[in-house]
Amino acid sequence: MITVFEKHMQAQASILSGPQIKQIGAAATEITIPKKHVLLQAGEVCRVKIFVIEGFLRTYRIGDDGTEHIMQFSPAPTWTTEGESYTNATPSGYYIDALEDSKIMMWRKSDFDVLLSEIPALKTFSEQLISTNLHQSRNRLYKAISATAEEKYEDFVKTYPGILQRVPLRMIASYLGISLKTLGRIRQAQLQR
C-alpha cells in the first residue's frame, strides 16, 4: 500500500527513488493530534520538520496587542516547519497548532540531518522546497503591500480551495491582513454578483 506521504513524494520529488522515499518515511514518527494541539510555542526552539498527512495546521504569531497574525496555513498534504528556528536552533517567535484533528509525520532535526547525508537527492529536494516556499512568501508579501482587499481574497480562494468551509472567517481575515468587516463586505459583494 502506498501511503499519502509516498504518493506525495513520488509526485513532487521525482529525483528520489521509491526505496529512498520509504527510507525517509521510516525515519519519521507518525502521530495523531487533536484540534488546537500546539506543536510549537513561541519561545521554544523548533526541532522538527512536519508533513501533514490529514488535517490542517497553521503557523502564526501574536502581536504585542494580543492580535493573532496568521503567516501560513498547512493543509494536507504539505510540509511545514519554523525554518529560522529549526535551522539556527534559536527560539521561535511563532506558534504552530492544529486547526483540525490531524495526522502528521515528524522528523527530529538530528534524524533528518542523517537522511540528508545518506540521500543527496533529499538535500536537493529540500533546497527546491525551501526555494519554492521563499518564492511563495515573497509573492504573498508583494500582494499584501500592493493588492486590494478583494484581490487578496480572490488569490486566497485560488491558493487554498475548500478552506473557506474549514476555517473561521476571523482567521482568513488575519491571514489576509484585513478586518473581519472588510472580509464580510467582500464576501457579500461576491454573493450578489
N, C-alpha and C. Protein backbone atom coordinates (compact mmCIF):
# COMPACT_ATOMS: atom_id res chain seq x y z
N MET A 1 0.83 -1.19 0.00
CA MET A 1 0.00 0.00 0.00
C MET A 1 0.88 1.25 0.00
N ILE A 2 0.58 2.17 -0.90
CA ILE A 2 1.32 3.43 -0.97
C ILE A 2 0.67 4.42 0.00
N THR A 3 1.47 4.99 0.86
CA THR A 3 0.97 5.94 1.84
C THR A 3 0.76 7.31 1.19
N VAL A 4 0.04 8.18 1.88
CA VAL A 4 -0.16 9.56 1.42
C VAL A 4 1.20 10.23 1.22
N PHE A 5 2.10 10.01 2.18
CA PHE A 5 3.43 10.61 2.10
C PHE A 5 4.17 10.12 0.85
N GLU A 6 4.17 8.80 0.62
CA GLU A 6 4.88 8.24 -0.53
C GLU A 6 4.29 8.76 -1.84
N LYS A 7 2.98 8.81 -1.90
CA LYS A 7 2.32 9.31 -3.11
C LYS A 7 2.69 10.76 -3.38
N HIS A 8 2.67 11.57 -2.33
CA HIS A 8 3.04 12.98 -2.46
C HIS A 8 4.49 13.12 -2.92
N MET A 9 5.37 12.37 -2.29
CA MET A 9 6.80 12.48 -2.64
C MET A 9 7.07 11.98 -4.06
N GLN A 10 6.39 10.92 -4.48
CA GLN A 10 6.56 10.44 -5.86
C GLN A 10 6.15 11.51 -6.86
N ALA A 11 5.10 12.26 -6.54
CA ALA A 11 4.62 13.31 -7.43
C ALA A 11 5.49 14.56 -7.39
N GLN A 12 6.03 14.88 -6.21
CA GLN A 12 6.76 16.14 -6.04
C GLN A 12 8.28 16.01 -6.12
N ALA A 13 8.80 14.83 -5.89
CA ALA A 13 10.25 14.65 -5.80
C ALA A 13 10.71 13.51 -6.69
N SER A 14 10.62 13.73 -7.99
CA SER A 14 10.98 12.67 -8.94
C SER A 14 12.46 12.28 -8.86
N ILE A 15 13.27 13.11 -8.20
CA ILE A 15 14.70 12.79 -8.07
C ILE A 15 14.94 11.73 -7.00
N LEU A 16 13.91 11.41 -6.21
CA LEU A 16 14.06 10.39 -5.17
C LEU A 16 13.47 9.08 -5.65
N SER A 17 14.16 8.00 -5.37
CA SER A 17 13.68 6.67 -5.75
C SER A 17 12.64 6.18 -4.74
N GLY A 18 11.89 5.16 -5.11
CA GLY A 18 10.92 4.56 -4.20
C GLY A 18 11.55 4.10 -2.89
N PRO A 19 12.68 3.37 -2.95
CA PRO A 19 13.32 2.95 -1.70
C PRO A 19 13.80 4.13 -0.85
N GLN A 20 14.26 5.20 -1.49
CA GLN A 20 14.69 6.38 -0.73
C GLN A 20 13.50 7.03 -0.03
N ILE A 21 12.38 7.12 -0.73
CA ILE A 21 11.18 7.70 -0.13
C ILE A 21 10.72 6.86 1.06
N LYS A 22 10.78 5.54 0.92
CA LYS A 22 10.42 4.65 2.04
C LYS A 22 11.37 4.85 3.23
N GLN A 23 12.68 5.01 2.94
CA GLN A 23 13.67 5.24 4.00
C GLN A 23 13.37 6.56 4.73
N ILE A 24 13.02 7.59 3.98
CA ILE A 24 12.70 8.89 4.58
C ILE A 24 11.47 8.75 5.46
N GLY A 25 10.45 8.09 4.94
CA GLY A 25 9.21 7.89 5.71
C GLY A 25 9.44 7.07 6.97
N ALA A 26 10.31 6.06 6.87
CA ALA A 26 10.57 5.19 8.02
C ALA A 26 11.28 5.93 9.16
N ALA A 27 11.96 7.02 8.84
CA ALA A 27 12.68 7.78 9.87
C ALA A 27 11.77 8.73 10.65
N ALA A 28 10.53 8.86 10.20
CA ALA A 28 9.59 9.79 10.84
C ALA A 28 8.80 9.09 11.94
N THR A 29 8.26 9.90 12.81
CA THR A 29 7.29 9.45 13.80
C THR A 29 5.93 9.94 13.33
N GLU A 30 4.97 9.02 13.24
CA GLU A 30 3.62 9.39 12.81
C GLU A 30 2.75 9.50 14.04
N ILE A 31 2.08 10.65 14.17
CA ILE A 31 1.20 10.85 15.32
C ILE A 31 -0.12 11.48 14.88
N THR A 32 -1.14 11.28 15.70
CA THR A 32 -2.42 11.93 15.50
C THR A 32 -2.57 12.95 16.62
N ILE A 33 -2.93 14.16 16.24
CA ILE A 33 -3.08 15.24 17.23
C ILE A 33 -4.49 15.81 17.15
N PRO A 34 -5.03 16.22 18.29
CA PRO A 34 -6.38 16.80 18.28
C PRO A 34 -6.35 18.27 17.84
N LYS A 35 -7.50 18.73 17.43
CA LYS A 35 -7.68 20.15 17.11
C LYS A 35 -7.19 20.99 18.29
N LYS A 36 -6.53 22.08 17.99
CA LYS A 36 -5.99 23.04 18.96
C LYS A 36 -4.69 22.58 19.62
N HIS A 37 -4.20 21.39 19.28
CA HIS A 37 -2.93 20.92 19.85
C HIS A 37 -1.80 21.82 19.34
N VAL A 38 -0.97 22.28 20.26
CA VAL A 38 0.14 23.17 19.90
C VAL A 38 1.40 22.33 19.71
N LEU A 39 1.98 22.42 18.51
CA LEU A 39 3.21 21.70 18.19
C LEU A 39 4.45 22.54 18.49
N LEU A 40 4.30 23.85 18.40
CA LEU A 40 5.41 24.76 18.68
C LEU A 40 4.86 25.99 19.38
N GLN A 41 5.46 26.33 20.51
CA GLN A 41 5.12 27.54 21.27
C GLN A 41 6.15 28.61 20.97
N ALA A 42 5.72 29.86 20.92
CA ALA A 42 6.68 30.95 20.81
C ALA A 42 7.65 30.85 21.99
N GLY A 43 8.93 31.05 21.72
CA GLY A 43 9.95 30.95 22.76
C GLY A 43 10.66 29.61 22.77
N GLU A 44 10.05 28.59 22.14
CA GLU A 44 10.69 27.28 22.03
C GLU A 44 11.53 27.21 20.76
N VAL A 45 12.49 26.29 20.75
CA VAL A 45 13.26 26.02 19.55
C VAL A 45 12.53 24.95 18.75
N CYS A 46 12.32 25.21 17.46
CA CYS A 46 11.67 24.22 16.60
C CYS A 46 12.71 23.14 16.27
N ARG A 47 12.40 21.91 16.62
CA ARG A 47 13.35 20.81 16.44
C ARG A 47 12.84 19.73 15.49
N VAL A 48 11.75 20.04 14.74
CA VAL A 48 11.16 19.04 13.85
C VAL A 48 10.74 19.64 12.51
N LYS A 49 10.75 18.77 11.51
CA LYS A 49 10.09 19.03 10.23
C LYS A 49 8.80 18.24 10.28
N ILE A 50 7.74 18.78 9.70
CA ILE A 50 6.42 18.17 9.79
C ILE A 50 5.85 17.98 8.38
N PHE A 51 5.25 16.81 8.17
CA PHE A 51 4.48 16.57 6.96
C PHE A 51 3.04 16.28 7.39
N VAL A 52 2.08 17.02 6.84
CA VAL A 52 0.68 16.86 7.20
C VAL A 52 0.06 15.79 6.30
N ILE A 53 -0.34 14.67 6.90
CA ILE A 53 -0.97 13.57 6.16
C ILE A 53 -2.47 13.82 6.03
N GLU A 54 -3.09 14.19 7.13
CA GLU A 54 -4.52 14.52 7.18
C GLU A 54 -4.67 15.71 8.11
N GLY A 55 -5.68 16.53 7.82
CA GLY A 55 -5.95 17.65 8.71
C GLY A 55 -5.37 18.94 8.20
N PHE A 56 -5.04 19.81 9.16
CA PHE A 56 -4.78 21.18 8.80
C PHE A 56 -4.04 21.88 9.95
N LEU A 57 -2.88 22.49 9.68
CA LEU A 57 -2.12 23.23 10.68
C LEU A 57 -2.04 24.69 10.28
N ARG A 58 -1.65 25.52 11.22
CA ARG A 58 -1.37 26.92 10.91
C ARG A 58 -0.14 27.37 11.68
N THR A 59 0.54 28.35 11.12
CA THR A 59 1.68 28.99 11.77
C THR A 59 1.28 30.45 11.98
N TYR A 60 1.44 30.93 13.21
CA TYR A 60 1.02 32.29 13.49
C TYR A 60 1.89 32.91 14.58
N ARG A 61 1.74 34.21 14.71
CA ARG A 61 2.46 34.98 15.72
C ARG A 61 1.43 35.84 16.44
N ILE A 62 1.70 36.16 17.67
CA ILE A 62 0.80 37.03 18.43
C ILE A 62 1.49 38.37 18.65
N GLY A 63 0.82 39.44 18.20
CA GLY A 63 1.36 40.79 18.33
C GLY A 63 1.33 41.27 19.77
N ASP A 64 1.99 42.38 20.01
CA ASP A 64 2.04 42.96 21.35
C ASP A 64 0.65 43.28 21.91
N ASP A 65 -0.29 43.55 20.99
CA ASP A 65 -1.65 43.88 21.42
C ASP A 65 -2.53 42.64 21.57
N GLY A 66 -1.94 41.44 21.40
CA GLY A 66 -2.69 40.19 21.55
C GLY A 66 -3.34 39.70 20.27
N THR A 67 -3.15 40.42 19.18
CA THR A 67 -3.76 40.04 17.91
C THR A 67 -2.97 38.91 17.26
N GLU A 68 -3.69 37.89 16.77
CA GLU A 68 -3.05 36.79 16.03
C GLU A 68 -2.80 37.23 14.59
N HIS A 69 -1.61 36.92 14.11
CA HIS A 69 -1.24 37.20 12.72
C HIS A 69 -0.85 35.87 12.09
N ILE A 70 -1.74 35.33 11.26
CA ILE A 70 -1.50 34.02 10.66
C ILE A 70 -0.57 34.19 9.47
N MET A 71 0.53 33.45 9.51
CA MET A 71 1.54 33.54 8.47
C MET A 71 1.37 32.46 7.41
N GLN A 72 0.88 31.29 7.83
CA GLN A 72 0.79 30.17 6.90
C GLN A 72 -0.29 29.20 7.33
N PHE A 73 -1.01 28.70 6.33
CA PHE A 73 -1.89 27.57 6.51
C PHE A 73 -1.20 26.36 5.89
N SER A 74 -1.30 25.21 6.53
CA SER A 74 -0.67 23.98 6.04
C SER A 74 -1.70 22.85 5.99
N PRO A 75 -2.50 22.82 4.92
CA PRO A 75 -3.43 21.71 4.76
C PRO A 75 -2.72 20.49 4.21
N ALA A 76 -3.29 19.32 4.42
CA ALA A 76 -2.70 18.09 3.88
C ALA A 76 -2.81 18.10 2.35
N PRO A 77 -1.90 17.53 1.64
CA PRO A 77 -0.58 17.05 2.07
C PRO A 77 0.46 18.15 1.86
N THR A 78 1.13 18.52 2.89
CA THR A 78 2.15 19.57 2.76
C THR A 78 3.19 19.46 3.89
N TRP A 79 4.34 20.05 3.64
CA TRP A 79 5.42 20.14 4.62
C TRP A 79 5.30 21.47 5.37
N THR A 80 5.73 21.49 6.62
CA THR A 80 5.83 22.75 7.35
C THR A 80 6.87 22.62 8.46
N THR A 81 7.39 23.74 8.86
CA THR A 81 8.30 23.86 10.00
C THR A 81 8.44 25.35 10.28
N GLU A 82 9.17 25.71 11.28
CA GLU A 82 9.51 27.12 11.51
C GLU A 82 10.99 27.21 11.16
N GLY A 83 11.25 27.55 9.92
CA GLY A 83 12.57 27.42 9.31
C GLY A 83 13.73 28.07 10.02
N GLU A 84 13.57 29.31 10.43
CA GLU A 84 14.68 30.01 11.06
C GLU A 84 15.06 29.35 12.39
N SER A 85 14.06 29.05 13.19
CA SER A 85 14.31 28.41 14.47
C SER A 85 14.92 27.02 14.28
N TYR A 86 14.37 26.26 13.34
CA TYR A 86 14.85 24.91 13.05
C TYR A 86 16.31 24.93 12.59
N THR A 87 16.62 25.81 11.66
CA THR A 87 17.96 25.85 11.08
C THR A 87 19.01 26.38 12.06
N ASN A 88 18.64 27.44 12.80
CA ASN A 88 19.62 28.12 13.66
C ASN A 88 19.54 27.73 15.14
N ALA A 89 18.61 26.84 15.48
CA ALA A 89 18.41 26.41 16.87
C ALA A 89 18.20 27.61 17.80
N THR A 90 17.38 28.56 17.32
CA THR A 90 17.06 29.75 18.10
C THR A 90 15.58 29.71 18.50
N PRO A 91 15.23 30.38 19.58
CA PRO A 91 13.82 30.40 19.99
C PRO A 91 12.95 31.02 18.89
N SER A 92 11.81 30.43 18.68
CA SER A 92 10.87 30.89 17.66
C SER A 92 9.97 32.00 18.20
N GLY A 93 9.55 32.87 17.33
CA GLY A 93 8.55 33.86 17.68
C GLY A 93 7.16 33.41 17.28
N TYR A 94 7.06 32.18 16.75
CA TYR A 94 5.83 31.68 16.16
C TYR A 94 5.26 30.50 16.92
N TYR A 95 3.99 30.25 16.66
CA TYR A 95 3.27 29.08 17.13
C TYR A 95 2.89 28.24 15.92
N ILE A 96 2.84 26.94 16.09
CA ILE A 96 2.25 26.04 15.10
C ILE A 96 1.23 25.19 15.85
N ASP A 97 -0.01 25.21 15.38
CA ASP A 97 -1.03 24.39 16.02
C ASP A 97 -1.97 23.77 14.99
N ALA A 98 -2.82 22.87 15.47
CA ALA A 98 -3.75 22.14 14.61
C ALA A 98 -5.10 22.84 14.59
N LEU A 99 -5.59 23.11 13.38
CA LEU A 99 -6.92 23.69 13.22
C LEU A 99 -7.99 22.62 13.17
N GLU A 100 -7.56 21.38 12.93
CA GLU A 100 -8.46 20.22 12.90
C GLU A 100 -7.71 19.05 13.53
N ASP A 101 -8.44 18.01 13.89
CA ASP A 101 -7.77 16.77 14.24
C ASP A 101 -6.88 16.41 13.05
N SER A 102 -5.63 16.10 13.30
CA SER A 102 -4.68 15.92 12.21
C SER A 102 -3.78 14.72 12.44
N LYS A 103 -3.35 14.15 11.34
CA LYS A 103 -2.35 13.09 11.38
C LYS A 103 -1.10 13.65 10.69
N ILE A 104 0.02 13.59 11.39
CA ILE A 104 1.24 14.17 10.87
C ILE A 104 2.41 13.20 11.00
N MET A 105 3.44 13.48 10.20
CA MET A 105 4.72 12.79 10.33
C MET A 105 5.72 13.85 10.78
N MET A 106 6.60 13.48 11.72
CA MET A 106 7.61 14.41 12.21
C MET A 106 8.98 13.77 12.17
N TRP A 107 9.97 14.56 11.77
CA TRP A 107 11.37 14.13 11.77
C TRP A 107 12.12 15.05 12.72
N ARG A 108 12.80 14.47 13.68
CA ARG A 108 13.70 15.27 14.52
C ARG A 108 14.85 15.77 13.66
N LYS A 109 15.37 16.93 13.97
CA LYS A 109 16.43 17.53 13.17
C LYS A 109 17.62 16.58 13.04
N SER A 110 18.00 15.94 14.12
CA SER A 110 19.16 15.04 14.07
C SER A 110 18.92 13.88 13.10
N ASP A 111 17.69 13.34 13.09
CA ASP A 111 17.36 12.24 12.17
C ASP A 111 17.30 12.73 10.73
N PHE A 112 16.75 13.92 10.53
CA PHE A 112 16.66 14.44 9.17
C PHE A 112 18.04 14.78 8.63
N ASP A 113 18.92 15.27 9.50
CA ASP A 113 20.30 15.55 9.07
C ASP A 113 21.02 14.28 8.61
N VAL A 114 20.76 13.16 9.29
CA VAL A 114 21.34 11.88 8.86
C VAL A 114 20.80 11.52 7.47
N LEU A 115 19.50 11.68 7.28
CA LEU A 115 18.91 11.39 5.96
C LEU A 115 19.53 12.27 4.87
N LEU A 116 19.76 13.53 5.18
CA LEU A 116 20.37 14.44 4.21
C LEU A 116 21.77 13.98 3.81
N SER A 117 22.52 13.44 4.78
CA SER A 117 23.87 12.97 4.45
C SER A 117 23.85 11.64 3.70
N GLU A 118 22.85 10.80 3.97
CA GLU A 118 22.75 9.49 3.33
C GLU A 118 22.09 9.55 1.95
N ILE A 119 21.24 10.55 1.74
CA ILE A 119 20.48 10.65 0.48
C ILE A 119 20.69 12.05 -0.11
N PRO A 120 21.72 12.21 -0.94
CA PRO A 120 21.99 13.54 -1.51
C PRO A 120 20.80 14.14 -2.27
N ALA A 121 19.98 13.31 -2.89
CA ALA A 121 18.81 13.82 -3.62
C ALA A 121 17.80 14.46 -2.66
N LEU A 122 17.78 14.04 -1.40
CA LEU A 122 16.88 14.65 -0.42
C LEU A 122 17.33 16.09 -0.15
N LYS A 123 18.62 16.30 -0.11
CA LYS A 123 19.13 17.67 0.08
C LYS A 123 18.70 18.56 -1.08
N THR A 124 18.78 18.04 -2.30
CA THR A 124 18.34 18.79 -3.47
C THR A 124 16.85 19.09 -3.39
N PHE A 125 16.06 18.07 -3.03
CA PHE A 125 14.61 18.26 -2.88
C PHE A 125 14.32 19.31 -1.80
N SER A 126 15.01 19.23 -0.67
CA SER A 126 14.80 20.18 0.43
C SER A 126 15.11 21.60 -0.01
N GLU A 127 16.20 21.76 -0.76
CA GLU A 127 16.56 23.09 -1.26
C GLU A 127 15.51 23.61 -2.23
N GLN A 128 14.96 22.73 -3.07
CA GLN A 128 13.90 23.13 -4.00
C GLN A 128 12.65 23.54 -3.23
N LEU A 129 12.33 22.80 -2.19
CA LEU A 129 11.15 23.10 -1.37
C LEU A 129 11.33 24.45 -0.67
N ILE A 130 12.50 24.70 -0.13
CA ILE A 130 12.79 25.98 0.52
C ILE A 130 12.68 27.12 -0.49
N SER A 131 13.22 26.91 -1.68
CA SER A 131 13.16 27.93 -2.72
C SER A 131 11.72 28.22 -3.12
N THR A 132 10.92 27.18 -3.29
CA THR A 132 9.51 27.35 -3.63
C THR A 132 8.78 28.12 -2.53
N ASN A 133 9.03 27.75 -1.27
CA ASN A 133 8.38 28.43 -0.15
C ASN A 133 8.81 29.90 -0.07
N LEU A 134 10.08 30.18 -0.33
CA LEU A 134 10.56 31.56 -0.32
C LEU A 134 9.87 32.36 -1.42
N HIS A 135 9.76 31.76 -2.61
CA HIS A 135 9.08 32.42 -3.72
C HIS A 135 7.62 32.72 -3.37
N GLN A 136 6.92 31.74 -2.79
CA GLN A 136 5.53 31.93 -2.40
C GLN A 136 5.40 33.01 -1.32
N SER A 137 6.34 33.02 -0.37
CA SER A 137 6.31 34.03 0.70
C SER A 137 6.52 35.43 0.13
N ARG A 138 7.44 35.56 -0.81
CA ARG A 138 7.68 36.87 -1.41
C ARG A 138 6.47 37.32 -2.22
N ASN A 139 5.86 36.41 -2.95
CA ASN A 139 4.65 36.77 -3.70
C ASN A 139 3.54 37.20 -2.75
N ARG A 140 3.42 36.48 -1.64
CA ARG A 140 2.38 36.84 -0.66
C ARG A 140 2.67 38.22 -0.06
N LEU A 141 3.93 38.50 0.26
CA LEU A 141 4.30 39.80 0.80
C LEU A 141 4.03 40.91 -0.22
N TYR A 142 4.38 40.65 -1.47
CA TYR A 142 4.11 41.64 -2.53
C TYR A 142 2.62 41.93 -2.62
N LYS A 143 1.81 40.88 -2.62
CA LYS A 143 0.36 41.08 -2.70
C LYS A 143 -0.16 41.81 -1.46
N ALA A 144 0.43 41.52 -0.32
CA ALA A 144 -0.02 42.16 0.92
C ALA A 144 0.18 43.67 0.88
N ILE A 145 1.24 44.12 0.19
CA ILE A 145 1.51 45.56 0.15
C ILE A 145 1.01 46.24 -1.12
N SER A 146 0.60 45.45 -2.11
CA SER A 146 0.20 46.08 -3.37
C SER A 146 -1.22 45.78 -3.83
N ALA A 147 -1.81 44.70 -3.38
CA ALA A 147 -3.13 44.29 -3.87
C ALA A 147 -4.25 44.90 -3.03
N THR A 148 -5.41 45.01 -3.65
CA THR A 148 -6.60 45.45 -2.91
C THR A 148 -7.07 44.29 -2.03
N ALA A 149 -7.94 44.60 -1.10
CA ALA A 149 -8.50 43.54 -0.23
C ALA A 149 -9.23 42.50 -1.08
N GLU A 150 -9.94 42.92 -2.10
CA GLU A 150 -10.64 41.99 -2.98
C GLU A 150 -9.67 41.07 -3.70
N GLU A 151 -8.57 41.64 -4.21
CA GLU A 151 -7.56 40.83 -4.91
C GLU A 151 -6.91 39.82 -3.96
N LYS A 152 -6.65 40.24 -2.73
CA LYS A 152 -6.07 39.32 -1.74
C LYS A 152 -7.02 38.15 -1.49
N TYR A 153 -8.30 38.46 -1.34
CA TYR A 153 -9.29 37.42 -1.09
C TYR A 153 -9.39 36.45 -2.27
N GLU A 154 -9.46 36.98 -3.48
CA GLU A 154 -9.53 36.14 -4.68
C GLU A 154 -8.32 35.23 -4.79
N ASP A 155 -7.14 35.77 -4.49
CA ASP A 155 -5.92 34.97 -4.53
C ASP A 155 -5.96 33.87 -3.46
N PHE A 156 -6.47 34.21 -2.27
CA PHE A 156 -6.60 33.22 -1.20
C PHE A 156 -7.49 32.06 -1.63
N VAL A 157 -8.63 32.37 -2.23
CA VAL A 157 -9.57 31.34 -2.66
C VAL A 157 -8.92 30.43 -3.70
N LYS A 158 -8.12 30.99 -4.60
CA LYS A 158 -7.42 30.18 -5.61
C LYS A 158 -6.31 29.34 -4.98
N THR A 159 -5.59 29.93 -4.05
CA THR A 159 -4.45 29.24 -3.43
C THR A 159 -4.91 28.13 -2.48
N TYR A 160 -5.99 28.37 -1.75
CA TYR A 160 -6.48 27.42 -0.75
C TYR A 160 -7.93 27.03 -1.03
N PRO A 161 -8.18 26.33 -2.13
CA PRO A 161 -9.58 25.95 -2.42
C PRO A 161 -10.13 25.04 -1.33
N GLY A 162 -11.36 25.28 -0.95
CA GLY A 162 -12.01 24.44 0.05
C GLY A 162 -11.76 24.83 1.49
N ILE A 163 -10.86 25.75 1.72
CA ILE A 163 -10.52 26.09 3.11
C ILE A 163 -11.57 27.01 3.74
N LEU A 164 -12.29 27.75 2.93
CA LEU A 164 -13.30 28.66 3.48
C LEU A 164 -14.30 27.94 4.38
N GLN A 165 -14.59 26.68 4.07
CA GLN A 165 -15.53 25.92 4.88
C GLN A 165 -14.87 25.33 6.13
N ARG A 166 -13.56 25.39 6.20
CA ARG A 166 -12.85 24.72 7.30
C ARG A 166 -12.26 25.68 8.32
N VAL A 167 -12.22 26.97 8.01
CA VAL A 167 -11.53 27.94 8.86
C VAL A 167 -12.47 29.10 9.21
N PRO A 168 -12.47 29.53 10.46
CA PRO A 168 -13.29 30.70 10.81
C PRO A 168 -12.86 31.93 9.99
N LEU A 169 -13.83 32.75 9.65
CA LEU A 169 -13.54 33.94 8.84
C LEU A 169 -12.52 34.87 9.50
N ARG A 170 -12.51 34.91 10.83
CA ARG A 170 -11.54 35.79 11.52
C ARG A 170 -10.11 35.37 11.22
N MET A 171 -9.88 34.04 11.01
CA MET A 171 -8.54 33.56 10.69
C MET A 171 -8.17 33.92 9.25
N ILE A 172 -9.15 33.86 8.36
CA ILE A 172 -8.88 34.25 6.97
C ILE A 172 -8.57 35.74 6.92
N ALA A 173 -9.32 36.54 7.65
CA ALA A 173 -9.07 37.99 7.71
C ALA A 173 -7.67 38.25 8.26
N SER A 174 -7.28 37.51 9.30
CA SER A 174 -5.94 37.65 9.88
C SER A 174 -4.86 37.32 8.86
N TYR A 175 -5.04 36.23 8.14
CA TYR A 175 -4.08 35.81 7.12
C TYR A 175 -3.95 36.87 6.02
N LEU A 176 -5.09 37.45 5.63
CA LEU A 176 -5.08 38.44 4.56
C LEU A 176 -4.64 39.82 5.03
N GLY A 177 -4.64 40.04 6.34
CA GLY A 177 -4.26 41.35 6.87
C GLY A 177 -5.35 42.39 6.65
N ILE A 178 -6.61 41.93 6.71
CA ILE A 178 -7.74 42.84 6.57
C ILE A 178 -8.68 42.63 7.75
N SER A 179 -9.59 43.58 7.94
CA SER A 179 -10.53 43.43 9.05
C SER A 179 -11.60 42.41 8.70
N LEU A 180 -12.21 41.87 9.72
CA LEU A 180 -13.32 40.92 9.54
C LEU A 180 -14.47 41.61 8.83
N LYS A 181 -14.69 42.89 9.14
CA LYS A 181 -15.76 43.66 8.50
C LYS A 181 -15.50 43.78 6.99
N THR A 182 -14.27 44.06 6.61
CA THR A 182 -13.91 44.16 5.19
C THR A 182 -14.10 42.82 4.50
N LEU A 183 -13.67 41.75 5.14
CA LEU A 183 -13.84 40.42 4.56
C LEU A 183 -15.33 40.11 4.35
N GLY A 184 -16.15 40.45 5.33
CA GLY A 184 -17.59 40.23 5.20
C GLY A 184 -18.18 41.01 4.03
N ARG A 185 -17.73 42.25 3.87
CA ARG A 185 -18.20 43.08 2.76
C ARG A 185 -17.81 42.48 1.42
N ILE A 186 -16.58 41.98 1.31
CA ILE A 186 -16.10 41.37 0.06
C ILE A 186 -16.92 40.12 -0.26
N ARG A 187 -17.13 39.29 0.74
CA ARG A 187 -17.89 38.05 0.52
C ARG A 187 -19.35 38.36 0.13
N GLN A 188 -19.93 39.35 0.77
CA GLN A 188 -21.32 39.75 0.45
C GLN A 188 -21.41 40.27 -0.99
N ALA A 189 -20.44 41.06 -1.39
CA ALA A 189 -20.43 41.60 -2.77
C ALA A 189 -20.31 40.48 -3.79
N GLN A 190 -19.50 39.46 -3.48
CA GLN A 190 -19.34 38.33 -4.41
C GLN A 190 -20.62 37.51 -4.49
N LEU A 191 -21.32 37.36 -3.39
CA LEU A 191 -22.58 36.61 -3.40
C LEU A 191 -23.65 37.32 -4.24
N GLN A 192 -23.58 38.64 -4.26
CA GLN A 192 -24.58 39.40 -5.01
C GLN A 192 -24.30 39.44 -6.51
N ARG A 193 -23.10 39.03 -6.92
CA ARG A 193 -22.75 39.03 -8.36
C ARG A 193 -23.37 37.87 -9.07
